[in-house]
Structure formats: C-alpha cells, structure tokens
Amino acid sequence: MKNLIIILIILIGFSIVADTFNWIDMGFKKTEEPIDKIDNEDISTFQKSGEYEFFGTLTITGYLDIKTKVCDSGNMCSETVEYASLIITETNNDLIYDFIELSKGNSFIAPNGVGLGCYQEDQSRIYSTNFGYNGSVDNIISGNDLEKLLSSAENNLVKIQITKPTPPPGSGAPDCYSHFRDIKVF
C-alpha cells in the first residue's frame, strides 16, 4: 500500500510539473486546447494529426527484443522489468518511423521498434497498460501468440497489428506501459 501511495504521489507530481512547463512527454504534447476525442472507428489507418499526435492501426513485421529496464531511484518507475519491443523490419505504414524518431528517448520506444510491454516469464505473458480517451486498456499476450513472439528472430519474423489511440494530454505511464493496444499476432 505504501508503494502504491508513493507511485501515485510521483505520478501526480510529474503531471503537475509537465503541465506547468508544457513538456513533451511519451510521444505526445501537452497543449493548452484539448485535442478532439477520436472514436475507435476513426483510427483504422495509422496517421498523424498535428506536430506530435499519431494514432491509428498499422501492421508491422519484425522480431522480439527483450531488455532489462533497470529502475533507478531518479527515474519515474517502481521496479526493474523485462521490457519487450518488436524491432520493425517491414510495415504497411512508414509514419511509424516518424513516430519513433519523435519519441527518441522515450522508454517505451526502441530504436527502430515499438514497445509491447513487460515480459513476465513467471506468468507466461507480455503485459502492458495503454491510456486513451476511451479509457485504460490492459493488453495481455499469452499462449500461442506469446510463443510466436518469443520464437521470432531476424531470420524468423513475426507479423502483428497494433493500434495507437490518441492519449489524453498530461497522462503519466506505469512501468509496463505501451503506446499501443489491440495487439494481434498473426
């Protein structure tokens, strides 16, 4: 309970600081005017709206890369995690590369890849949370889909479909956040 309270205090403090300085955080921009709410039916194609907003659905091919994200006391995190990203080798929409470029330094984006969430070996899953105007979604990749991702490599690629909703301005992110939801493995 104490850890949860500390995390909430840190997230609230970060949100206040980000709002005060109008920072760009996690690939989206805090603006003075609210961004129009985008319904799920409007996000069928990955697209760009404004300077920093990307949203929509796209298909990418690549391979899984799992790295240990060490939680240092100076970072906005609560624990060290094994974070899984899909390194992109092919896509049906090159705007994903613009999103990656603008998001450099974001802990949920890999060089030439997108974060899928925390690999939780003990629970046989990749888990992430995603925030959008239509609420928070927990993504869980397990079973055959997890096996396909875990067995992927540069010479054994896997194809997935992902959707990025437009996030509400000023939101923070937990350790297992992903910018994407509705992850489908083919």
C-alpha atoms as a PDB file:
ATOM      1  CA  MET A   1       0.000   0.000   0.000  1.00  0.00           C
ATOM      2  CA  LYS A   2       2.859   2.357   0.878  1.00  0.00           C
ATOM      3  CA  ASN A   3       4.481   1.758  -2.535  1.00  0.00           C
ATOM      4  CA  LEU A   4       1.186   2.485  -4.288  1.00  0.00           C
ATOM      5  CA  ILE A   5       0.824   5.796  -2.448  1.00  0.00           C
ATOM      6  CA  ILE A   6       4.399   6.762  -3.340  1.00  0.00           C
ATOM      7  CA  ILE A   7       3.789   5.902  -7.002  1.00  0.00           C
ATOM      8  CA  LEU A   8       0.580   7.971  -7.043  1.00  0.00           C
ATOM      9  CA  ILE A   9       2.347  10.950  -5.456  1.00  0.00           C
ATOM     10  CA  ILE A  10       5.169  10.715  -8.013  1.00  0.00           C
ATOM     11  CA  LEU A  11       2.734  10.460 -10.944  1.00  0.00           C
ATOM     12  CA  ILE A  12       0.653  13.410  -9.697  1.00  0.00           C
ATOM     13  CA  GLY A  13       3.807  15.469  -9.146  1.00  0.00           C
ATOM     14  CA  PHE A  14       5.132  14.637 -12.598  1.00  0.00           C
ATOM     15  CA  SER A  15       1.792  15.536 -14.180  1.00  0.00           C
ATOM     16  CA  ILE A  16       1.798  18.914 -12.418  1.00  0.00           C
ATOM     17  CA  VAL A  17       5.397  19.637 -13.494  1.00  0.00           C
ATOM     18  CA  ALA A  18       4.708  18.510 -17.082  1.00  0.00           C
ATOM     19  CA  ASP A  19       1.582  20.673 -17.179  1.00  0.00           C
ATOM     20  CA  THR A  20       3.408  23.672 -15.721  1.00  0.00           C
ATOM     21  CA  PHE A  21       6.249  23.567 -18.233  1.00  0.00           C
ATOM     22  CA  ASN A  22       4.166  22.323 -21.182  1.00  0.00           C
ATOM     23  CA  TRP A  23       6.630  19.448 -21.687  1.00  0.00           C
ATOM     24  CA  ILE A  24       6.511  16.925 -24.454  1.00  0.00           C
ATOM     25  CA  ASP A  25       6.347  13.525 -22.815  1.00  0.00           C
ATOM     26  CA  MET A  26       5.946   9.971 -24.063  1.00  0.00           C
ATOM     27  CA  GLY A  27       5.460  10.955 -27.693  1.00  0.00           C
ATOM     28  CA  PHE A  28       2.593  13.372 -27.243  1.00  0.00           C
ATOM     29  CA  LYS A  29       2.309  17.055 -26.457  1.00  0.00           C
ATOM     30  CA  LYS A  30       0.521  18.785 -23.614  1.00  0.00           C
ATOM     31  CA  THR A  31      -1.438  21.582 -25.266  1.00  0.00           C
ATOM     32  CA  GLU A  32      -3.479  24.499 -23.993  1.00  0.00           C
ATOM     33  CA  GLU A  33      -6.502  23.416 -26.012  1.00  0.00           C
ATOM     34  CA  PRO A  34      -7.867  19.889 -25.717  1.00  0.00           C
ATOM     35  CA  ILE A  35      -7.281  17.502 -28.578  1.00  0.00           C
ATOM     36  CA  ASP A  36     -10.512  16.336 -30.173  1.00  0.00           C
ATOM     37  CA  LYS A  37     -11.628  12.958 -28.941  1.00  0.00           C
ATOM     38  CA  ILE A  38     -11.167  10.325 -31.635  1.00  0.00           C
ATOM     39  CA  ASP A  39     -13.557   7.376 -31.737  1.00  0.00           C
ATOM     40  CA  ASN A  40     -12.299   3.859 -32.458  1.00  0.00           C
ATOM     41  CA  GLU A  41     -13.933   3.919 -35.899  1.00  0.00           C
ATOM     42  CA  ASP A  42     -11.722   6.862 -36.872  1.00  0.00           C
ATOM     43  CA  ILE A  43      -8.419   5.096 -36.148  1.00  0.00           C
ATOM     44  CA  SER A  44      -8.456   2.485 -38.883  1.00  0.00           C
ATOM     45  CA  THR A  45      -5.289   3.860 -40.529  1.00  0.00           C
ATOM     46  CA  PHE A  46      -2.171   4.970 -38.677  1.00  0.00           C
ATOM     47  CA  GLN A  47      -1.925   8.713 -39.237  1.00  0.00           C
ATOM     48  CA  LYS A  48      -0.521  11.954 -37.913  1.00  0.00           C
ATOM     49  CA  SER A  49      -2.572  14.833 -36.548  1.00  0.00           C
ATOM     50  CA  GLY A  50      -0.680  17.970 -35.631  1.00  0.00           C
ATOM     51  CA  GLU A  51       3.011  18.069 -34.849  1.00  0.00           C
ATOM     52  CA  TYR A  52       3.176  15.284 -32.245  1.00  0.00           C
ATOM     53  CA  GLU A  53      -0.053  13.277 -32.384  1.00  0.00           C
ATOM     54  CA  PHE A  54      -0.043   9.883 -34.035  1.00  0.00           C
ATOM     55  CA  PHE A  55      -2.960   7.489 -33.874  1.00  0.00           C
ATOM     56  CA  GLY A  56      -4.476   4.587 -35.724  1.00  0.00           C
ATOM     57  CA  THR A  57      -3.882   0.986 -36.680  1.00  0.00           C
ATOM     58  CA  LEU A  58      -0.971  -0.472 -38.619  1.00  0.00           C
ATOM     59  CA  THR A  59       0.692  -3.779 -39.335  1.00  0.00           C
ATOM     60  CA  ILE A  60       4.368  -4.350 -38.664  1.00  0.00           C
ATOM     61  CA  THR A  61       6.694  -7.270 -39.217  1.00  0.00           C
ATOM     62  CA  GLY A  62       9.761  -7.855 -37.101  1.00  0.00           C
ATOM     63  CA  TYR A  63      11.225  -9.739 -34.187  1.00  0.00           C
ATOM     64  CA  LEU A  64      11.012  -9.548 -30.417  1.00  0.00           C
ATOM     65  CA  ASP A  65      13.748  -7.902 -28.367  1.00  0.00           C
ATOM     66  CA  ILE A  66      13.613  -8.133 -24.564  1.00  0.00           C
ATOM     67  CA  LYS A  67      15.776  -5.799 -22.492  1.00  0.00           C
ATOM     68  CA  THR A  68      16.065  -5.274 -18.755  1.00  0.00           C
ATOM     69  CA  LYS A  69      14.840  -1.792 -17.787  1.00  0.00           C
ATOM     70  CA  VAL A  70      16.596  -1.042 -14.510  1.00  0.00           C
ATOM     71  CA  CYS A  71      14.626   1.174 -12.171  1.00  0.00           C
ATOM     72  CA  ASP A  72      16.971   3.766 -10.692  1.00  0.00           C
ATOM     73  CA  SER A  73      15.781   5.982  -7.858  1.00  0.00           C
ATOM     74  CA  GLY A  74      15.968   9.067 -10.121  1.00  0.00           C
ATOM     75  CA  ASN A  75      13.614   7.586 -12.742  1.00  0.00           C
ATOM     76  CA  MET A  76       9.830   7.624 -12.752  1.00  0.00           C
ATOM     77  CA  CYS A  77       9.495   3.878 -12.157  1.00  0.00           C
ATOM     78  CA  SER A  78       8.618   1.450  -9.408  1.00  0.00           C
ATOM     79  CA  GLU A  79      10.536  -1.704 -10.346  1.00  0.00           C
ATOM     80  CA  THR A  80      13.095  -3.221 -12.701  1.00  0.00           C
ATOM     81  CA  VAL A  81      11.291  -5.043 -15.524  1.00  0.00           C
ATOM     82  CA  GLU A  82      12.000  -7.122 -18.607  1.00  0.00           C
ATOM     83  CA  TYR A  83      10.574  -4.933 -21.374  1.00  0.00           C
ATOM     84  CA  ALA A  84       9.617  -6.433 -24.762  1.00  0.00           C
ATOM     85  CA  SER A  85       9.785  -4.472 -28.002  1.00  0.00           C
ATOM     86  CA  LEU A  86       9.161  -5.505 -31.578  1.00  0.00           C
ATOM     87  CA  ILE A  87      12.012  -4.411 -33.834  1.00  0.00           C
ATOM     88  CA  ILE A  88      10.460  -3.383 -37.156  1.00  0.00           C
ATOM     89  CA  THR A  89      11.772  -4.844 -40.410  1.00  0.00           C
ATOM     90  CA  GLU A  90       8.698  -4.072 -42.541  1.00  0.00           C
ATOM     91  CA  THR A  91       5.470  -2.111 -42.191  1.00  0.00           C
ATOM     92  CA  ASN A  92       2.393  -1.153 -44.148  1.00  0.00           C
ATOM     93  CA  ASN A  93       2.743   2.458 -42.948  1.00  0.00           C
ATOM     94  CA  ASP A  94       6.052   4.349 -42.864  1.00  0.00           C
ATOM     95  CA  LEU A  95       4.634   7.003 -40.497  1.00  0.00           C
ATOM     96  CA  ILE A  96       5.629   4.657 -37.674  1.00  0.00           C
ATOM     97  CA  TYR A  97       9.237   5.669 -38.321  1.00  0.00           C
ATOM     98  CA  ASP A  98       8.297   9.352 -37.823  1.00  0.00           C
ATOM     99  CA  PHE A  99       6.624   8.417 -34.533  1.00  0.00           C
ATOM    100  CA  ILE A 100       9.732   6.513 -33.424  1.00  0.00           C
ATOM    101  CA  GLU A 101      12.003   9.411 -34.427  1.00  0.00           C
ATOM    102  CA  LEU A 102       9.910  11.975 -32.498  1.00  0.00           C
ATOM    103  CA  SER A 103       9.780   9.638 -29.492  1.00  0.00           C
ATOM    104  CA  LYS A 104      13.535   9.057 -29.151  1.00  0.00           C
ATOM    105  CA  GLY A 105      14.467   8.800 -25.502  1.00  0.00           C
ATOM    106  CA  ASN A 106      11.028   7.552 -24.515  1.00  0.00           C
ATOM    107  CA  SER A 107      11.404   4.360 -22.507  1.00  0.00           C
ATOM    108  CA  PHE A 108       8.510   2.682 -24.347  1.00  0.00           C
ATOM    109  CA  ILE A 109      10.081   3.059 -27.794  1.00  0.00           C
ATOM    110  CA  ALA A 110      13.092   1.078 -29.040  1.00  0.00           C
ATOM    111  CA  PRO A 111      15.490   2.192 -31.752  1.00  0.00           C
ATOM    112  CA  ASN A 112      13.582   1.077 -34.856  1.00  0.00           C
ATOM    113  CA  GLY A 113      10.938  -0.633 -32.743  1.00  0.00           C
ATOM    114  CA  VAL A 114       7.826  -0.252 -30.623  1.00  0.00           C
ATOM    115  CA  GLY A 115       7.295  -1.336 -27.045  1.00  0.00           C
ATOM    116  CA  LEU A 116       4.773  -4.093 -26.402  1.00  0.00           C
ATOM    117  CA  GLY A 117       5.039  -4.268 -22.600  1.00  0.00           C
ATOM    118  CA  CYS A 118       6.684  -6.215 -19.802  1.00  0.00           C
ATOM    119  CA  TYR A 119       7.671  -9.810 -20.409  1.00  0.00           C
ATOM    120  CA  GLN A 120       6.527 -11.611 -17.267  1.00  0.00           C
ATOM    121  CA  GLU A 121       8.089 -15.036 -17.651  1.00  0.00           C
ATOM    122  CA  ASP A 122       6.626 -16.296 -14.352  1.00  0.00           C
ATOM    123  CA  GLN A 123       3.123 -15.548 -15.688  1.00  0.00           C
ATOM    124  CA  SER A 124       3.867 -16.626 -19.289  1.00  0.00           C
ATOM    125  CA  ARG A 125       2.774 -13.336 -20.794  1.00  0.00           C
ATOM    126  CA  ILE A 126       3.664  -9.902 -22.113  1.00  0.00           C
ATOM    127  CA  TYR A 127       1.606  -7.365 -20.206  1.00  0.00           C
ATOM    128  CA  SER A 128       1.029  -3.663 -20.804  1.00  0.00           C
ATOM    129  CA  THR A 129      -1.365  -0.865 -19.999  1.00  0.00           C
ATOM    130  CA  ASN A 130      -2.413   1.778 -22.526  1.00  0.00           C
ATOM    131  CA  PHE A 131      -4.311   5.030 -21.941  1.00  0.00           C
ATOM    132  CA  GLY A 132      -6.569   6.713 -24.473  1.00  0.00           C
ATOM    133  CA  TYR A 133      -9.621   8.948 -24.492  1.00  0.00           C
ATOM    134  CA  ASN A 134     -11.786   5.843 -24.432  1.00  0.00           C
ATOM    135  CA  GLY A 135     -10.161   4.627 -21.206  1.00  0.00           C
ATOM    136  CA  SER A 136      -7.371   2.432 -19.985  1.00  0.00           C
ATOM    137  CA  VAL A 137      -6.795  -0.973 -21.580  1.00  0.00           C
ATOM    138  CA  ASP A 138      -4.702  -3.854 -20.268  1.00  0.00           C
ATOM    139  CA  ASN A 139      -3.010  -5.798 -23.072  1.00  0.00           C
ATOM    140  CA  ILE A 140      -2.061  -9.418 -22.437  1.00  0.00           C
ATOM    141  CA  ILE A 141      -0.189 -11.513 -24.983  1.00  0.00           C
ATOM    142  CA  SER A 142      -0.049 -15.174 -23.963  1.00  0.00           C
ATOM    143  CA  GLY A 143      -0.414 -18.713 -25.288  1.00  0.00           C
ATOM    144  CA  ASN A 144       0.363 -19.292 -28.982  1.00  0.00           C
ATOM    145  CA  ASP A 145       0.724 -15.557 -29.648  1.00  0.00           C
ATOM    146  CA  LEU A 146       3.421 -15.298 -26.976  1.00  0.00           C
ATOM    147  CA  GLU A 147       5.192 -18.368 -28.365  1.00  0.00           C
ATOM    148  CA  LYS A 148       5.233 -16.843 -31.867  1.00  0.00           C
ATOM    149  CA  LEU A 149       6.774 -13.647 -30.495  1.00  0.00           C
ATOM    150  CA  LEU A 150       9.321 -15.459 -28.304  1.00  0.00           C
ATOM    151  CA  SER A 151      10.442 -17.655 -31.210  1.00  0.00           C
ATOM    152  CA  SER A 152      10.847 -14.704 -33.571  1.00  0.00           C
ATOM    153  CA  ALA A 153      14.322 -13.637 -34.681  1.00  0.00           C
ATOM    154  CA  GLU A 154      15.951 -11.706 -37.524  1.00  0.00           C
ATOM    155  CA  ASN A 155      15.613 -14.840 -39.662  1.00  0.00           C
ATOM    156  CA  ASN A 156      12.185 -15.837 -38.255  1.00  0.00           C
ATOM    157  CA  LEU A 157       9.973 -12.748 -38.422  1.00  0.00           C
ATOM    158  CA  VAL A 158       6.501 -12.326 -36.961  1.00  0.00           C
ATOM    159  CA  LYS A 159       3.704 -10.010 -38.137  1.00  0.00           C
ATOM    160  CA  ILE A 160       1.490  -8.066 -35.723  1.00  0.00           C
ATOM    161  CA  GLN A 161      -1.248  -5.471 -35.917  1.00  0.00           C
ATOM    162  CA  ILE A 162      -1.313  -2.674 -33.324  1.00  0.00           C
ATOM    163  CA  THR A 163      -3.477   0.353 -32.617  1.00  0.00           C
ATOM    164  CA  LYS A 164      -2.381   3.634 -31.047  1.00  0.00           C
ATOM    165  CA  PRO A 165      -5.229   5.697 -29.622  1.00  0.00           C
ATOM    166  CA  THR A 166      -4.883   9.420 -29.056  1.00  0.00           C
ATOM    167  CA  PRO A 167      -3.875   9.694 -25.387  1.00  0.00           C
ATOM    168  CA  PRO A 168      -5.394  12.271 -23.081  1.00  0.00           C
ATOM    169  CA  PRO A 169      -2.953  15.177 -22.552  1.00  0.00           C
ATOM    170  CA  GLY A 170      -0.716  15.063 -19.487  1.00  0.00           C
ATOM    171  CA  SER A 171      -1.134  11.405 -18.600  1.00  0.00           C
ATOM    172  CA  GLY A 172       1.737   9.519 -16.970  1.00  0.00           C
ATOM    173  CA  ALA A 173       2.779   5.941 -17.529  1.00  0.00           C
ATOM    174  CA  PRO A 174       3.420   2.859 -15.387  1.00  0.00           C
ATOM    175  CA  ASP A 175       6.464   0.588 -15.846  1.00  0.00           C
ATOM    176  CA  CYS A 176       4.624  -1.745 -18.245  1.00  0.00           C
ATOM    177  CA  TYR A 177       3.057   0.943 -20.434  1.00  0.00           C
ATOM    178  CA  SER A 178       2.757   0.600 -24.209  1.00  0.00           C
ATOM    179  CA  HIS A 179       1.715   3.339 -26.628  1.00  0.00           C
ATOM    180  CA  PHE A 180      -0.302   0.640 -28.407  1.00  0.00           C
ATOM    181  CA  ARG A 181      -3.304  -1.549 -27.714  1.00  0.00           C
ATOM    182  CA  ASP A 182      -5.332  -4.209 -29.503  1.00  0.00           C
ATOM    183  CA  ILE A 183      -2.169  -6.161 -30.278  1.00  0.00           C
ATOM    184  CA  LYS A 184      -2.889  -9.020 -32.699  1.00  0.00           C
ATOM    185  CA  VAL A 185      -0.241 -11.597 -33.612  1.00  0.00           C
ATOM    186  CA  PHE A 186      -0.536 -13.338 -36.999  1.00  0.00           C
END
